[in-house]
């Protein structure tokens, strides 16, 4: 499996504040790439790691946190390897919960293995057939707010319930986030959608989270 980084931190989006072990995988299939991506370093940087090597790296964190999230880049590029790793971890310990953060362009029926799934579609690559497959699993959909409101059509086409929808302000820096949060909160109030912070940006700016 090509791994960009493994780190222990606090969840910054949707499950804001939840202690989390992040396994960030290398590679992204989004074209063109998102200009607001906060992990563009994951597109090409990484190293091959075995399941044993990954377990050894996360083991020290497991005494205080049993929640693991696979993120990227786009982790579903390596969906078969993720499935094998989740089964491997389950054999090691029975108290581990796994989550997935994906752009919703690649579906694998094994996603039922995850306790939480967050799908964040991007307007340059929308495949409603694939997103509908994810939607059968009652996943959460996260959209980065854009003034053209392109995502409203996706929400309508997928027939999403308001509780499934999370909206986040765009911004690579703390200042950009602070300037936009109020407007996005008001939009969420009007629509009945969930608002999510980008806590890692508000805490560390455009530096890598720790």
Protein backbone atom coordinates (compact mmCIF):
# COMPACT_ATOMS: atom_id res chain seq x y z
CA UNK A 1 0.00 0.00 0.00
CA UNK A 2 1.31 3.46 -0.88
CA UNK A 3 1.12 5.57 2.28
CA UNK A 4 1.75 9.30 2.36
CA UNK A 5 1.72 9.71 6.15
CA UNK A 6 0.32 8.31 9.38
CA UNK A 7 -0.41 10.62 12.29
CA UNK A 8 -2.56 11.01 15.39
CA UNK A 9 -4.60 14.19 15.74
CA UNK A 10 -8.08 15.63 16.26
CA UNK A 11 -10.70 15.28 13.52
CA UNK A 12 -11.14 18.63 11.79
CA UNK A 13 -14.28 18.08 9.68
CA UNK A 14 -17.77 16.67 10.40
CA UNK A 15 -16.73 14.70 13.51
CA UNK A 16 -14.96 17.81 14.75
CA UNK A 17 -12.88 17.27 17.87
CA UNK A 18 -12.83 13.46 17.76
CA UNK A 19 -9.39 11.94 18.46
CA UNK A 20 -8.37 10.12 15.30
CA UNK A 21 -5.50 8.13 13.82
CA UNK A 22 -5.17 9.19 10.19
CA UNK A 23 -3.77 6.95 7.47
CA UNK A 24 -3.29 9.23 4.48
CA UNK A 25 -2.75 7.28 1.28
CA UNK A 26 -0.80 8.47 -1.74
CA UNK A 27 -2.46 9.48 -4.99
CA UNK A 28 -5.50 11.37 -6.27
CA UNK A 29 -7.62 10.73 -9.35
CA UNK A 30 -9.29 14.15 -9.41
CA UNK A 31 -8.73 16.02 -12.69
CA UNK A 32 -8.21 18.85 -12.72
CA UNK A 33 -6.84 18.85 -9.20
CA UNK A 34 -8.63 20.99 -6.60
CA UNK A 35 -6.94 24.37 -6.09
CA UNK A 36 -8.20 24.41 -2.48
CA UNK A 37 -6.79 20.97 -1.59
CA UNK A 38 -5.13 21.07 1.85
CA UNK A 39 -3.17 17.87 1.26
CA UNK A 40 -1.74 18.31 -2.24
CA UNK A 41 1.54 16.85 -0.95
CA UNK A 42 -0.22 13.47 -0.93
CA UNK A 43 -0.68 13.42 -4.71
CA UNK A 44 2.83 12.13 -5.38
CA UNK A 45 4.62 11.69 -2.05
CA UNK A 46 4.55 8.33 -0.31
CA UNK A 47 6.16 4.98 0.34
CA UNK A 48 5.16 1.35 0.13
CA UNK A 49 4.18 -0.09 3.51
CA UNK A 50 3.05 -3.58 4.47
CA UNK A 51 0.15 -4.22 6.82
CA UNK A 52 2.63 -5.17 9.56
CA UNK A 53 4.57 -1.94 9.09
CA UNK A 54 1.37 0.13 9.26
CA UNK A 55 0.24 -1.66 12.40
CA UNK A 56 3.58 -1.10 14.10
CA UNK A 57 3.32 2.62 13.36
CA UNK A 58 -0.22 3.05 14.68
CA UNK A 59 0.15 0.70 17.65
CA UNK A 60 1.48 3.36 20.09
CA UNK A 61 -1.61 5.51 19.40
CA UNK A 62 -4.10 2.67 19.92
CA UNK A 63 -3.81 2.84 23.71
CA UNK A 64 -5.58 6.22 23.68
CA UNK A 65 -7.48 6.17 20.38
CA UNK A 66 -9.17 3.31 18.52
CA UNK A 67 -10.66 5.34 15.64
CA UNK A 68 -8.79 5.17 12.32
CA UNK A 69 -9.66 7.21 9.23
CA UNK A 70 -8.40 6.45 5.72
CA UNK A 71 -7.96 9.66 3.77
CA UNK A 72 -5.94 11.09 0.90
CA UNK A 73 -5.59 12.18 -1.82
CA UNK A 74 -8.17 9.61 -2.83
CA UNK A 75 -7.92 6.43 -0.74
CA UNK A 76 -10.35 4.41 -2.89
CA UNK A 77 -7.66 4.18 -5.58
CA UNK A 78 -6.26 1.49 -3.26
CA UNK A 79 -9.62 0.08 -2.13
CA UNK A 80 -8.58 -3.58 -2.35
CA UNK A 81 -5.52 -2.94 -0.18
CA UNK A 82 -7.63 -1.00 2.32
CA UNK A 83 -10.02 -3.95 2.61
CA UNK A 84 -7.13 -6.29 3.37
CA UNK A 85 -5.72 -3.87 5.95
CA UNK A 86 -9.07 -3.42 7.74
CA UNK A 87 -9.44 -7.21 8.01
CA UNK A 88 -5.84 -7.44 9.22
CA UNK A 89 -6.44 -4.81 11.92
CA UNK A 90 -9.63 -6.56 13.00
CA UNK A 91 -7.62 -9.71 13.60
CA UNK A 92 -5.16 -7.76 15.75
CA UNK A 93 -7.77 -5.99 17.89
CA UNK A 94 -11.56 -6.08 18.11
CA UNK A 95 -11.98 -2.52 19.39
CA UNK A 96 -10.84 -0.64 16.26
CA UNK A 97 -13.36 1.46 14.31
CA UNK A 98 -12.54 2.61 10.78
CA UNK A 99 -13.75 5.60 8.78
CA UNK A 100 -13.31 6.65 5.16
CA UNK A 101 -13.00 10.04 3.48
CA UNK A 102 -13.50 9.88 -0.30
CA UNK A 103 -14.40 12.07 -3.27
CA UNK A 104 -17.05 9.57 -4.31
CA UNK A 105 -15.70 8.66 -7.75
CA UNK A 106 -14.71 5.03 -7.01
CA UNK A 107 -17.12 2.59 -5.39
CA UNK A 108 -16.34 -0.78 -3.83
CA UNK A 109 -19.01 -2.91 -2.18
CA UNK A 110 -16.65 -3.58 0.72
CA UNK A 111 -17.28 -0.08 2.09
CA UNK A 112 -19.79 -1.67 4.48
CA UNK A 113 -16.71 -2.48 6.57
CA UNK A 114 -16.39 1.17 7.56
CA UNK A 115 -18.17 2.61 10.59
CA UNK A 116 -18.30 6.11 9.07
CA UNK A 117 -18.08 7.25 5.46
CA UNK A 118 -17.76 10.87 4.36
CA UNK A 119 -18.16 11.56 0.63
CA UNK A 120 -16.94 14.92 -0.63
CA UNK A 121 -17.87 15.31 -4.34
CA UNK A 122 -16.01 17.86 -6.44
CA UNK A 123 -17.74 19.67 -9.29
CA UNK A 124 -15.07 18.82 -11.88
CA UNK A 125 -15.77 15.06 -11.52
CA UNK A 126 -19.37 14.18 -10.70
CA UNK A 127 -20.61 10.66 -11.44
CA UNK A 128 -24.18 10.38 -10.18
CA UNK A 129 -24.28 6.62 -10.73
CA UNK A 130 -21.32 6.10 -8.41
CA UNK A 131 -22.61 8.64 -5.87
CA UNK A 132 -25.95 6.84 -5.81
CA UNK A 133 -24.15 3.62 -4.92
CA UNK A 134 -22.54 5.37 -1.95
CA UNK A 135 -25.91 6.84 -1.01
CA UNK A 136 -27.40 3.37 -0.52
CA UNK A 137 -25.19 3.10 2.57
CA UNK A 138 -26.52 6.22 4.34
CA UNK A 139 -23.19 8.01 4.09
CA UNK A 140 -22.58 11.67 4.87
CA UNK A 141 -21.99 14.07 2.00
CA UNK A 142 -19.69 17.07 2.48
CA UNK A 143 -19.50 19.97 0.05
CA UNK A 144 -17.11 22.92 -0.02
CA UNK A 145 -19.28 26.01 -0.30
CA UNK A 146 -19.14 27.79 -3.65
CA UNK A 147 -21.14 30.90 -4.56
CA UNK A 148 -22.41 29.26 -7.75
CA UNK A 149 -24.13 26.64 -5.54
CA UNK A 150 -23.34 23.83 -8.02
CA UNK A 151 -23.77 21.27 -5.27
CA UNK A 152 -27.48 22.02 -4.86
CA UNK A 153 -28.18 20.13 -8.09
CA UNK A 154 -26.20 17.14 -6.81
CA UNK A 155 -28.15 17.19 -3.55
CA UNK A 156 -31.41 17.29 -5.51
CA UNK A 157 -30.38 14.60 -8.01
CA UNK A 158 -29.33 12.26 -5.19
CA UNK A 159 -32.48 13.11 -3.19
CA UNK A 160 -30.37 13.67 -0.09
CA UNK A 161 -31.95 14.36 3.26
CA UNK A 162 -30.70 17.51 5.05
CA UNK A 163 -29.15 15.40 7.83
CA UNK A 164 -26.86 13.80 5.22
CA UNK A 165 -25.50 17.14 3.97
CA UNK A 166 -22.55 18.97 5.51
CA UNK A 167 -21.29 22.29 4.15
CA UNK A 168 -17.79 23.67 4.77
CA UNK A 169 -16.24 27.06 4.02
CA UNK A 170 -13.41 27.14 1.49
CA UNK A 171 -10.12 28.54 2.70
CA UNK A 172 -6.49 27.47 2.91
CA UNK A 173 -5.65 29.83 5.76
CA UNK A 174 -7.15 30.69 9.13
CA UNK A 175 -7.98 34.20 7.88
CA UNK A 176 -9.80 32.90 4.81
CA UNK A 177 -11.83 30.52 6.96
CA UNK A 178 -12.76 33.20 9.47
CA UNK A 179 -13.88 35.56 6.70
CA UNK A 180 -16.22 32.97 5.12
CA UNK A 181 -17.59 30.96 8.06
CA UNK A 182 -20.41 33.34 8.99
CA UNK A 183 -21.87 33.38 5.48
CA UNK A 184 -21.76 29.58 5.20
CA UNK A 185 -23.37 29.19 8.63
CA UNK A 186 -26.25 31.43 7.54
CA UNK A 187 -26.66 29.38 4.36
CA UNK A 188 -26.82 26.16 6.41
CA UNK A 189 -29.42 27.67 8.73
CA UNK A 190 -31.56 28.63 5.74
CA UNK A 191 -31.35 25.17 4.14
CA UNK A 192 -31.34 23.04 7.29
CA UNK A 193 -27.94 21.55 6.43
CA UNK A 194 -25.14 20.71 8.82
CA UNK A 195 -22.19 23.08 9.05
CA UNK A 196 -18.71 21.76 9.61
CA UNK A 197 -15.59 23.63 10.57
CA UNK A 198 -12.20 23.07 9.02
CA UNK A 199 -10.68 22.88 12.47
CA UNK A 200 -7.20 21.87 11.33
CA UNK A 201 -7.00 25.01 9.16
CA UNK A 202 -8.23 27.22 11.99
CA UNK A 203 -5.65 25.64 14.31
CA UNK A 204 -2.58 25.20 12.10
CA UNK A 205 -3.34 27.32 9.05
CA UNK A 206 -1.94 25.75 5.89
CA UNK A 207 0.64 23.71 7.78
CA UNK A 208 0.30 19.96 8.10
CA UNK A 209 -1.86 18.94 11.06
CA UNK A 210 -0.17 17.25 13.99
